[in-house]
Amino acid sequence: MRIAVQRTGLVLVALLFVAGGGLSTWFLALQPLADAWRSRNWQPVTARVEAVDRGPSPGAGLRGWQLQVIYRYQVQGRRYESRRYGLHTWVDDHDAQQAAYVDLIYRRRVQAWYNPAAPGESLLNRDIHWNIVALGLPALGAVLLGALLLWAAAVAGWSAWQTASLRKAGRVKKPDV
């Protein structure tokens, strides 16, 4: 019974590493890189900044803030409004956010990038902040550690199951205590 509890605990810890590391890897590295790849062929358009503010960042808790912007643009005679600033939506570089905030306060016309297939989808900045993407590497390490722990639990469980099956069949004697 004690061994079963230990294996269950090992599996739960491994799943936490895989889930937490996987989500962190996605939000910090893979999503921004995928969005950068997806937006590489987007078209430039002049946009008018309607509002700029700083608000709480969903990834930084009470200590962090994130640039919040509202801008409008026109494509083929149709007007659109967007709130997306850049590729990094979960956590972003504080210095880059501060510089963008100061820049956008004083500028009313900016270049935006819109998706020609869905003109309502746009962003103002397609720059990748590599220092944020680099944070995905330790998270990827957590995924790999979790996978290793799951593998170890599976091997130990398989070995215990084989030994129990052989004992039941009478091929292996119980160890003398």
N, C-alpha and C. Protein backbone atom coordinates (compact mmCIF):
# COMPACT_ATOMS: atom_id res chain seq x y z
N MET A 1 0.82 -1.19 0.00
CA MET A 1 0.00 0.00 0.00
C MET A 1 0.87 1.26 0.00
N ARG A 2 1.93 1.24 0.79
CA ARG A 2 2.80 2.40 0.88
C ARG A 2 3.47 2.69 -0.46
N ILE A 3 3.86 1.66 -1.18
CA ILE A 3 4.49 1.83 -2.48
C ILE A 3 3.49 2.42 -3.47
N ALA A 4 2.24 2.00 -3.40
CA ALA A 4 1.22 2.54 -4.30
C ALA A 4 1.00 4.03 -4.06
N VAL A 5 1.02 4.44 -2.80
CA VAL A 5 0.87 5.87 -2.47
C VAL A 5 2.07 6.66 -3.00
N GLN A 6 3.27 6.10 -2.86
CA GLN A 6 4.45 6.78 -3.37
C GLN A 6 4.40 6.93 -4.89
N ARG A 7 3.98 5.87 -5.58
CA ARG A 7 3.88 5.94 -7.04
C ARG A 7 2.81 6.93 -7.48
N THR A 8 1.70 6.96 -6.75
CA THR A 8 0.64 7.92 -7.07
C THR A 8 1.14 9.34 -6.87
N GLY A 9 1.86 9.58 -5.79
CA GLY A 9 2.44 10.90 -5.56
C GLY A 9 3.43 11.28 -6.65
N LEU A 10 4.24 10.31 -7.09
CA LEU A 10 5.20 10.56 -8.16
C LEU A 10 4.49 10.93 -9.45
N VAL A 11 3.42 10.23 -9.76
CA VAL A 11 2.65 10.52 -10.98
C VAL A 11 2.01 11.90 -10.89
N LEU A 12 1.46 12.25 -9.73
CA LEU A 12 0.83 13.57 -9.57
C LEU A 12 1.86 14.70 -9.71
N VAL A 13 3.02 14.53 -9.10
CA VAL A 13 4.07 15.54 -9.22
C VAL A 13 4.52 15.65 -10.68
N ALA A 14 4.68 14.52 -11.33
CA ALA A 14 5.09 14.52 -12.74
C ALA A 14 4.05 15.24 -13.60
N LEU A 15 2.77 14.98 -13.35
CA LEU A 15 1.72 15.65 -14.12
C LEU A 15 1.72 17.16 -13.88
N LEU A 16 2.02 17.58 -12.65
CA LEU A 16 2.12 19.01 -12.36
C LEU A 16 3.27 19.65 -13.15
N PHE A 17 4.40 18.97 -13.21
CA PHE A 17 5.53 19.47 -13.98
C PHE A 17 5.18 19.55 -15.46
N VAL A 18 4.54 18.52 -15.98
CA VAL A 18 4.20 18.51 -17.40
C VAL A 18 3.17 19.61 -17.71
N ALA A 19 2.13 19.71 -16.89
CA ALA A 19 1.08 20.70 -17.15
C ALA A 19 1.59 22.13 -16.96
N GLY A 20 2.23 22.40 -15.84
CA GLY A 20 2.74 23.75 -15.58
C GLY A 20 3.81 24.16 -16.56
N GLY A 21 4.74 23.27 -16.81
CA GLY A 21 5.80 23.57 -17.77
C GLY A 21 5.26 23.72 -19.18
N GLY A 22 4.29 22.88 -19.53
CA GLY A 22 3.70 22.95 -20.87
C GLY A 22 2.96 24.26 -21.09
N LEU A 23 2.15 24.66 -20.11
CA LEU A 23 1.42 25.93 -20.24
C LEU A 23 2.38 27.11 -20.30
N SER A 24 3.39 27.09 -19.44
CA SER A 24 4.37 28.18 -19.44
C SER A 24 5.13 28.23 -20.75
N THR A 25 5.54 27.09 -21.27
CA THR A 25 6.24 27.04 -22.55
C THR A 25 5.36 27.60 -23.65
N TRP A 26 4.07 27.25 -23.64
CA TRP A 26 3.15 27.74 -24.66
C TRP A 26 3.01 29.26 -24.59
N PHE A 27 2.69 29.78 -23.41
CA PHE A 27 2.41 31.21 -23.30
C PHE A 27 3.65 32.08 -23.43
N LEU A 28 4.79 31.61 -22.96
CA LEU A 28 6.00 32.42 -22.99
C LEU A 28 6.73 32.34 -24.33
N ALA A 29 6.73 31.18 -24.96
CA ALA A 29 7.56 31.00 -26.15
C ALA A 29 6.79 30.59 -27.39
N LEU A 30 6.03 29.52 -27.31
CA LEU A 30 5.43 28.97 -28.53
C LEU A 30 4.34 29.86 -29.12
N GLN A 31 3.47 30.42 -28.29
CA GLN A 31 2.40 31.27 -28.81
C GLN A 31 2.96 32.53 -29.49
N PRO A 32 3.88 33.28 -28.85
CA PRO A 32 4.43 34.44 -29.55
C PRO A 32 5.15 34.08 -30.84
N LEU A 33 5.89 32.97 -30.84
CA LEU A 33 6.59 32.56 -32.05
C LEU A 33 5.61 32.15 -33.15
N ALA A 34 4.55 31.45 -32.77
CA ALA A 34 3.52 31.06 -33.75
C ALA A 34 2.80 32.29 -34.31
N ASP A 35 2.49 33.25 -33.43
CA ASP A 35 1.84 34.47 -33.89
C ASP A 35 2.76 35.30 -34.78
N ALA A 36 4.05 35.32 -34.48
CA ALA A 36 5.01 36.02 -35.33
C ALA A 36 5.06 35.38 -36.72
N TRP A 37 5.06 34.07 -36.74
CA TRP A 37 5.07 33.35 -38.02
C TRP A 37 3.79 33.63 -38.79
N ARG A 38 2.66 33.59 -38.09
CA ARG A 38 1.37 33.82 -38.72
C ARG A 38 1.23 35.24 -39.26
N SER A 39 1.82 36.20 -38.58
CA SER A 39 1.65 37.61 -38.97
C SER A 39 2.73 38.09 -39.94
N ARG A 40 3.60 37.23 -40.37
CA ARG A 40 4.70 37.66 -41.22
C ARG A 40 4.23 38.24 -42.55
N ASN A 41 3.06 37.84 -43.04
CA ASN A 41 2.54 38.34 -44.32
C ASN A 41 1.40 39.34 -44.14
N TRP A 42 1.20 39.81 -42.93
CA TRP A 42 0.14 40.79 -42.71
C TRP A 42 0.53 42.10 -43.36
N GLN A 43 -0.48 42.88 -43.70
CA GLN A 43 -0.29 44.12 -44.43
C GLN A 43 -0.25 45.33 -43.49
N PRO A 44 0.57 46.33 -43.82
CA PRO A 44 0.60 47.54 -42.99
C PRO A 44 -0.61 48.43 -43.30
N VAL A 45 -1.06 49.14 -42.29
CA VAL A 45 -2.15 50.10 -42.44
C VAL A 45 -1.94 51.20 -41.41
N THR A 46 -2.32 52.41 -41.76
CA THR A 46 -2.21 53.52 -40.81
C THR A 46 -3.40 53.44 -39.85
N ALA A 47 -3.10 53.52 -38.57
CA ALA A 47 -4.15 53.43 -37.55
C ALA A 47 -4.13 54.70 -36.71
N ARG A 48 -5.28 54.99 -36.14
CA ARG A 48 -5.39 56.13 -35.24
C ARG A 48 -5.53 55.62 -33.82
N VAL A 49 -4.64 56.07 -32.94
CA VAL A 49 -4.67 55.66 -31.53
C VAL A 49 -5.79 56.44 -30.84
N GLU A 50 -6.71 55.72 -30.22
CA GLU A 50 -7.84 56.33 -29.53
C GLU A 50 -7.58 56.46 -28.02
N ALA A 51 -6.90 55.47 -27.45
CA ALA A 51 -6.63 55.49 -26.01
C ALA A 51 -5.39 54.65 -25.71
N VAL A 52 -4.63 55.12 -24.73
CA VAL A 52 -3.45 54.39 -24.27
C VAL A 52 -3.48 54.43 -22.75
N ASP A 53 -3.25 53.29 -22.13
CA ASP A 53 -3.22 53.22 -20.68
C ASP A 53 -2.35 52.05 -20.27
N ARG A 54 -2.11 51.95 -18.98
CA ARG A 54 -1.41 50.80 -18.42
C ARG A 54 -2.37 50.12 -17.46
N GLY A 55 -2.46 48.80 -17.60
CA GLY A 55 -3.34 48.03 -16.73
C GLY A 55 -2.63 46.82 -16.20
N PRO A 56 -3.28 46.09 -15.31
CA PRO A 56 -2.63 44.91 -14.73
C PRO A 56 -2.36 43.84 -15.78
N SER A 57 -1.21 43.23 -15.65
CA SER A 57 -0.83 42.14 -16.54
C SER A 57 -1.36 40.83 -15.99
N PRO A 58 -2.03 40.01 -16.82
CA PRO A 58 -2.56 38.75 -16.31
C PRO A 58 -1.48 37.78 -15.85
N GLY A 59 -0.26 37.93 -16.35
CA GLY A 59 0.80 37.01 -15.98
C GLY A 59 1.66 37.47 -14.83
N ALA A 60 1.55 38.73 -14.44
CA ALA A 60 2.47 39.26 -13.43
C ALA A 60 1.79 39.55 -12.10
N GLY A 61 0.53 39.24 -11.98
CA GLY A 61 -0.17 39.47 -10.72
C GLY A 61 -0.30 40.94 -10.41
N LEU A 62 -0.21 41.30 -9.14
CA LEU A 62 -0.40 42.68 -8.72
C LEU A 62 0.82 43.55 -8.99
N ARG A 63 1.97 42.93 -9.23
CA ARG A 63 3.20 43.70 -9.38
C ARG A 63 3.41 44.22 -10.79
N GLY A 64 2.81 43.60 -11.79
CA GLY A 64 3.11 43.96 -13.17
C GLY A 64 2.00 44.71 -13.85
N TRP A 65 2.34 45.37 -14.93
CA TRP A 65 1.33 46.05 -15.71
C TRP A 65 1.60 45.77 -17.17
N GLN A 66 0.60 46.02 -17.97
CA GLN A 66 0.69 45.74 -19.38
C GLN A 66 0.09 46.92 -20.15
N LEU A 67 0.64 47.20 -21.30
CA LEU A 67 0.15 48.27 -22.14
C LEU A 67 -1.24 47.93 -22.65
N GLN A 68 -2.15 48.88 -22.53
CA GLN A 68 -3.50 48.72 -23.05
C GLN A 68 -3.74 49.84 -24.05
N VAL A 69 -4.10 49.48 -25.25
CA VAL A 69 -4.27 50.46 -26.31
C VAL A 69 -5.53 50.14 -27.10
N ILE A 70 -6.19 51.19 -27.56
CA ILE A 70 -7.32 51.05 -28.47
C ILE A 70 -6.97 51.87 -29.71
N TYR A 71 -7.08 51.26 -30.87
CA TYR A 71 -6.80 51.98 -32.11
C TYR A 71 -7.80 51.56 -33.18
N ARG A 72 -7.98 52.46 -34.14
CA ARG A 72 -8.91 52.23 -35.24
C ARG A 72 -8.16 52.36 -36.56
N TYR A 73 -8.61 51.58 -37.52
CA TYR A 73 -8.01 51.63 -38.85
C TYR A 73 -9.08 51.28 -39.88
N GLN A 74 -8.74 51.48 -41.13
CA GLN A 74 -9.71 51.26 -42.20
C GLN A 74 -9.07 50.40 -43.28
N VAL A 75 -9.80 49.38 -43.73
CA VAL A 75 -9.33 48.51 -44.80
C VAL A 75 -10.47 48.39 -45.81
N GLN A 76 -10.18 48.75 -47.06
CA GLN A 76 -11.15 48.69 -48.15
C GLN A 76 -12.48 49.36 -47.77
N GLY A 77 -12.38 50.54 -47.18
CA GLY A 77 -13.57 51.31 -46.85
C GLY A 77 -14.31 50.87 -45.60
N ARG A 78 -13.85 49.85 -44.96
CA ARG A 78 -14.50 49.34 -43.76
C ARG A 78 -13.65 49.68 -42.53
N ARG A 79 -14.31 50.14 -41.46
CA ARG A 79 -13.59 50.53 -40.24
C ARG A 79 -13.48 49.37 -39.25
N TYR A 80 -12.33 49.33 -38.58
CA TYR A 80 -12.07 48.29 -37.59
C TYR A 80 -11.49 48.93 -36.34
N GLU A 81 -11.70 48.27 -35.21
CA GLU A 81 -11.12 48.69 -33.94
C GLU A 81 -10.41 47.49 -33.33
N SER A 82 -9.26 47.73 -32.74
CA SER A 82 -8.51 46.64 -32.13
C SER A 82 -7.88 47.11 -30.83
N ARG A 83 -7.53 46.14 -30.00
CA ARG A 83 -6.89 46.42 -28.71
C ARG A 83 -5.56 45.67 -28.57
N ARG A 84 -5.19 44.94 -29.55
CA ARG A 84 -3.98 44.13 -29.43
C ARG A 84 -2.75 44.94 -29.79
N TYR A 85 -1.81 44.99 -28.84
CA TYR A 85 -0.58 45.74 -29.10
C TYR A 85 0.46 44.86 -29.80
N GLY A 86 0.85 43.74 -29.16
CA GLY A 86 1.96 42.96 -29.69
C GLY A 86 1.74 41.47 -29.61
N LEU A 87 2.82 40.75 -29.87
CA LEU A 87 2.78 39.29 -29.90
C LEU A 87 2.68 38.67 -28.52
N HIS A 88 3.25 39.32 -27.52
CA HIS A 88 3.31 38.77 -26.18
C HIS A 88 2.07 39.24 -25.40
N THR A 89 1.13 38.35 -25.21
CA THR A 89 -0.12 38.74 -24.55
C THR A 89 -0.14 38.36 -23.08
N TRP A 90 0.68 37.41 -22.67
CA TRP A 90 0.62 36.92 -21.29
C TRP A 90 1.59 37.68 -20.40
N VAL A 91 2.85 37.67 -20.77
CA VAL A 91 3.90 38.39 -20.05
C VAL A 91 4.74 39.10 -21.10
N ASP A 92 5.13 40.32 -20.82
CA ASP A 92 5.94 41.05 -21.79
C ASP A 92 7.09 41.74 -21.08
N ASP A 93 8.01 42.25 -21.85
CA ASP A 93 9.18 42.95 -21.36
C ASP A 93 8.76 44.32 -20.81
N HIS A 94 9.06 44.58 -19.55
CA HIS A 94 8.63 45.83 -18.90
C HIS A 94 9.21 47.06 -19.59
N ASP A 95 10.49 47.03 -19.91
CA ASP A 95 11.13 48.19 -20.55
C ASP A 95 10.52 48.48 -21.91
N ALA A 96 10.25 47.43 -22.69
CA ALA A 96 9.63 47.62 -24.00
C ALA A 96 8.21 48.19 -23.86
N GLN A 97 7.48 47.70 -22.86
CA GLN A 97 6.13 48.21 -22.62
C GLN A 97 6.18 49.69 -22.23
N GLN A 98 7.13 50.07 -21.38
CA GLN A 98 7.26 51.46 -20.94
C GLN A 98 7.59 52.37 -22.13
N ALA A 99 8.53 51.94 -22.98
CA ALA A 99 8.91 52.73 -24.15
C ALA A 99 7.72 52.89 -25.11
N ALA A 100 6.97 51.81 -25.31
CA ALA A 100 5.80 51.87 -26.20
C ALA A 100 4.74 52.79 -25.62
N TYR A 101 4.55 52.74 -24.32
CA TYR A 101 3.56 53.60 -23.66
C TYR A 101 3.91 55.08 -23.87
N VAL A 102 5.15 55.43 -23.62
CA VAL A 102 5.58 56.83 -23.79
C VAL A 102 5.44 57.24 -25.25
N ASP A 103 5.81 56.36 -26.16
CA ASP A 103 5.72 56.67 -27.59
C ASP A 103 4.26 56.87 -28.02
N LEU A 104 3.38 55.98 -27.59
CA LEU A 104 1.98 56.05 -28.04
C LEU A 104 1.20 57.20 -27.41
N ILE A 105 1.62 57.69 -26.26
CA ILE A 105 0.93 58.82 -25.64
C ILE A 105 1.00 60.05 -26.55
N TYR A 106 2.13 60.23 -27.20
CA TYR A 106 2.35 61.43 -28.00
C TYR A 106 2.04 61.26 -29.48
N ARG A 107 1.83 60.06 -29.93
CA ARG A 107 1.53 59.82 -31.34
C ARG A 107 0.07 59.42 -31.49
N ARG A 108 -0.58 59.95 -32.46
CA ARG A 108 -1.97 59.57 -32.72
C ARG A 108 -2.09 58.70 -33.96
N ARG A 109 -1.14 58.78 -34.84
CA ARG A 109 -1.15 57.93 -36.04
C ARG A 109 0.03 56.97 -35.94
N VAL A 110 -0.26 55.71 -36.12
CA VAL A 110 0.77 54.67 -36.03
C VAL A 110 0.56 53.67 -37.15
N GLN A 111 1.56 52.86 -37.38
CA GLN A 111 1.41 51.77 -38.34
C GLN A 111 0.94 50.53 -37.61
N ALA A 112 -0.14 49.95 -38.08
CA ALA A 112 -0.64 48.68 -37.57
C ALA A 112 -0.44 47.63 -38.65
N TRP A 113 -0.57 46.40 -38.25
CA TRP A 113 -0.48 45.27 -39.18
C TRP A 113 -1.78 44.51 -39.09
N TYR A 114 -2.44 44.27 -40.24
CA TYR A 114 -3.72 43.56 -40.23
C TYR A 114 -3.62 42.30 -41.08
N ASN A 115 -4.45 41.34 -40.73
CA ASN A 115 -4.51 40.07 -41.43
C ASN A 115 -5.40 40.25 -42.67
N PRO A 116 -4.86 40.09 -43.89
CA PRO A 116 -5.67 40.28 -45.09
C PRO A 116 -6.83 39.28 -45.18
N ALA A 117 -6.68 38.11 -44.61
CA ALA A 117 -7.75 37.11 -44.63
C ALA A 117 -8.85 37.43 -43.64
N ALA A 118 -8.53 38.16 -42.57
CA ALA A 118 -9.50 38.57 -41.55
C ALA A 118 -9.10 39.97 -41.09
N PRO A 119 -9.51 41.02 -41.81
CA PRO A 119 -9.03 42.38 -41.53
C PRO A 119 -9.31 42.89 -40.12
N GLY A 120 -10.22 42.28 -39.39
CA GLY A 120 -10.47 42.69 -38.02
C GLY A 120 -9.39 42.25 -37.05
N GLU A 121 -8.48 41.40 -37.49
CA GLU A 121 -7.38 40.91 -36.66
C GLU A 121 -6.14 41.73 -36.97
N SER A 122 -5.60 42.37 -35.94
CA SER A 122 -4.44 43.24 -36.17
C SER A 122 -3.60 43.34 -34.91
N LEU A 123 -2.44 43.96 -35.07
CA LEU A 123 -1.58 44.30 -33.94
C LEU A 123 -0.68 45.45 -34.35
N LEU A 124 -0.14 46.13 -33.36
CA LEU A 124 0.72 47.29 -33.63
C LEU A 124 2.20 46.93 -33.73
N ASN A 125 2.62 45.88 -33.04
CA ASN A 125 4.04 45.58 -32.94
C ASN A 125 4.26 44.10 -33.17
N ARG A 126 5.07 43.77 -34.17
CA ARG A 126 5.36 42.36 -34.46
C ARG A 126 6.72 41.92 -33.94
N ASP A 127 7.33 42.71 -33.08
CA ASP A 127 8.65 42.36 -32.54
C ASP A 127 8.55 41.22 -31.53
N ILE A 128 9.49 40.30 -31.63
CA ILE A 128 9.59 39.21 -30.66
C ILE A 128 10.55 39.67 -29.57
N HIS A 129 10.15 39.54 -28.32
CA HIS A 129 11.04 39.87 -27.20
C HIS A 129 11.70 38.57 -26.76
N TRP A 130 12.92 38.39 -27.21
CA TRP A 130 13.62 37.12 -27.01
C TRP A 130 13.90 36.82 -25.55
N ASN A 131 14.01 37.85 -24.71
CA ASN A 131 14.23 37.60 -23.28
C ASN A 131 12.99 36.94 -22.66
N ILE A 132 11.81 37.22 -23.17
CA ILE A 132 10.60 36.56 -22.68
C ILE A 132 10.52 35.14 -23.24
N VAL A 133 10.83 34.99 -24.52
CA VAL A 133 10.82 33.66 -25.14
C VAL A 133 11.82 32.74 -24.43
N ALA A 134 12.96 33.30 -24.02
CA ALA A 134 13.97 32.49 -23.32
C ALA A 134 13.45 31.93 -22.01
N LEU A 135 12.47 32.58 -21.39
CA LEU A 135 11.88 32.06 -20.16
C LEU A 135 11.15 30.73 -20.40
N GLY A 136 10.83 30.46 -21.64
CA GLY A 136 10.19 29.19 -21.98
C GLY A 136 11.15 28.01 -21.88
N LEU A 137 12.46 28.25 -21.91
CA LEU A 137 13.42 27.14 -21.84
C LEU A 137 13.38 26.41 -20.50
N PRO A 138 13.42 27.12 -19.35
CA PRO A 138 13.28 26.38 -18.09
C PRO A 138 11.92 25.68 -17.99
N ALA A 139 10.90 26.31 -18.55
CA ALA A 139 9.57 25.68 -18.53
C ALA A 139 9.59 24.40 -19.36
N LEU A 140 10.30 24.42 -20.48
CA LEU A 140 10.44 23.21 -21.29
C LEU A 140 11.21 22.15 -20.51
N GLY A 141 12.19 22.59 -19.72
CA GLY A 141 12.92 21.66 -18.85
C GLY A 141 11.99 21.00 -17.84
N ALA A 142 11.02 21.76 -17.32
CA ALA A 142 10.04 21.19 -16.39
C ALA A 142 9.19 20.13 -17.09
N VAL A 143 8.83 20.37 -18.33
CA VAL A 143 8.06 19.37 -19.10
C VAL A 143 8.88 18.10 -19.25
N LEU A 144 10.15 18.26 -19.61
CA LEU A 144 11.00 17.08 -19.79
C LEU A 144 11.21 16.33 -18.48
N LEU A 145 11.39 17.05 -17.37
CA LEU A 145 11.52 16.41 -16.07
C LEU A 145 10.24 15.65 -15.72
N GLY A 146 9.09 16.26 -15.96
CA GLY A 146 7.82 15.59 -15.70
C GLY A 146 7.66 14.34 -16.54
N ALA A 147 8.06 14.42 -17.81
CA ALA A 147 7.99 13.24 -18.69
C ALA A 147 8.92 12.14 -18.19
N LEU A 148 10.10 12.51 -17.71
CA LEU A 148 11.03 11.52 -17.15
C LEU A 148 10.45 10.86 -15.91
N LEU A 149 9.82 11.66 -15.05
CA LEU A 149 9.19 11.10 -13.84
C LEU A 149 8.03 10.17 -14.20
N LEU A 150 7.24 10.54 -15.20
CA LEU A 150 6.16 9.65 -15.65
C LEU A 150 6.71 8.35 -16.21
N TRP A 151 7.80 8.45 -16.96
CA TRP A 151 8.43 7.25 -17.49
C TRP A 151 8.94 6.36 -16.36
N ALA A 152 9.56 6.97 -15.35
CA ALA A 152 10.06 6.19 -14.21
C ALA A 152 8.91 5.51 -13.47
N ALA A 153 7.80 6.21 -13.29
CA ALA A 153 6.64 5.61 -12.62
C ALA A 153 6.06 4.48 -13.46
N ALA A 154 6.03 4.65 -14.77
CA ALA A 154 5.50 3.59 -15.65
C ALA A 154 6.39 2.35 -15.62
N VAL A 155 7.71 2.55 -15.65
CA VAL A 155 8.64 1.41 -15.62
C VAL A 155 8.53 0.67 -14.29
N ALA A 156 8.46 1.43 -13.20
CA ALA A 156 8.34 0.80 -11.88
C ALA A 156 7.01 0.04 -11.77
N GLY A 157 5.95 0.63 -12.28
CA GLY A 157 4.64 -0.03 -12.24
C GLY A 157 4.62 -1.28 -13.11
N TRP A 158 5.23 -1.22 -14.28
CA TRP A 158 5.29 -2.38 -15.17
C TRP A 158 6.09 -3.50 -14.54
N SER A 159 7.23 -3.16 -13.92
CA SER A 159 8.07 -4.15 -13.27
C SER A 159 7.32 -4.82 -12.11
N ALA A 160 6.61 -4.01 -11.32
CA ALA A 160 5.85 -4.57 -10.20
C ALA A 160 4.72 -5.47 -10.71
N TRP A 161 4.08 -5.08 -11.80
CA TRP A 161 2.98 -5.88 -12.36
C TRP A 161 3.52 -7.20 -12.89
N GLN A 162 4.67 -7.18 -13.58
CA GLN A 162 5.26 -8.43 -14.09
C GLN A 162 5.64 -9.36 -12.96
N THR A 163 6.26 -8.83 -11.91
CA THR A 163 6.65 -9.66 -10.77
C THR A 163 5.43 -10.27 -10.10
N ALA A 164 4.39 -9.50 -9.93
CA ALA A 164 3.16 -10.01 -9.31
C ALA A 164 2.53 -11.08 -10.19
N SER A 165 2.56 -10.91 -11.50
CA SER A 165 1.99 -11.90 -12.42
C SER A 165 2.78 -13.20 -12.36
N LEU A 166 4.10 -13.09 -12.31
CA LEU A 166 4.93 -14.30 -12.25
C LEU A 166 4.74 -15.02 -10.92
N ARG A 167 4.58 -14.26 -9.82
CA ARG A 167 4.33 -14.89 -8.52
C ARG A 167 3.01 -15.63 -8.54
N LYS A 168 2.02 -15.01 -9.12
CA LYS A 168 0.69 -15.62 -9.17
C LYS A 168 0.74 -16.92 -9.98
N ALA A 169 1.55 -16.93 -11.02
CA ALA A 169 1.68 -18.13 -11.85
C ALA A 169 2.60 -19.16 -11.19
N GLY A 170 3.24 -18.80 -10.10
CA GLY A 170 4.11 -19.73 -9.38
C GLY A 170 5.51 -19.81 -9.94
N ARG A 171 5.89 -18.93 -10.79
CA ARG A 171 7.22 -18.97 -11.40
C ARG A 171 8.28 -18.27 -10.54
N VAL A 172 7.84 -17.39 -9.67
CA VAL A 172 8.80 -16.67 -8.81
C VAL A 172 8.33 -16.85 -7.38
N LYS A 173 9.28 -17.18 -6.53
CA LYS A 173 8.95 -17.35 -5.12
C LYS A 173 9.02 -16.00 -4.41
N LYS A 174 8.24 -15.87 -3.38
CA LYS A 174 8.30 -14.66 -2.59
C LYS A 174 9.63 -14.61 -1.86
N PRO A 175 10.23 -13.44 -1.74
CA PRO A 175 11.52 -13.35 -1.05
C PRO A 175 11.36 -13.68 0.43
N ASP A 176 12.38 -14.32 0.97
CA ASP A 176 12.39 -14.63 2.39
C ASP A 176 12.65 -13.34 3.17
N VAL A 177 11.88 -13.15 4.20
CA VAL A 177 12.04 -11.94 5.02
C VAL A 177 12.75 -12.26 6.29
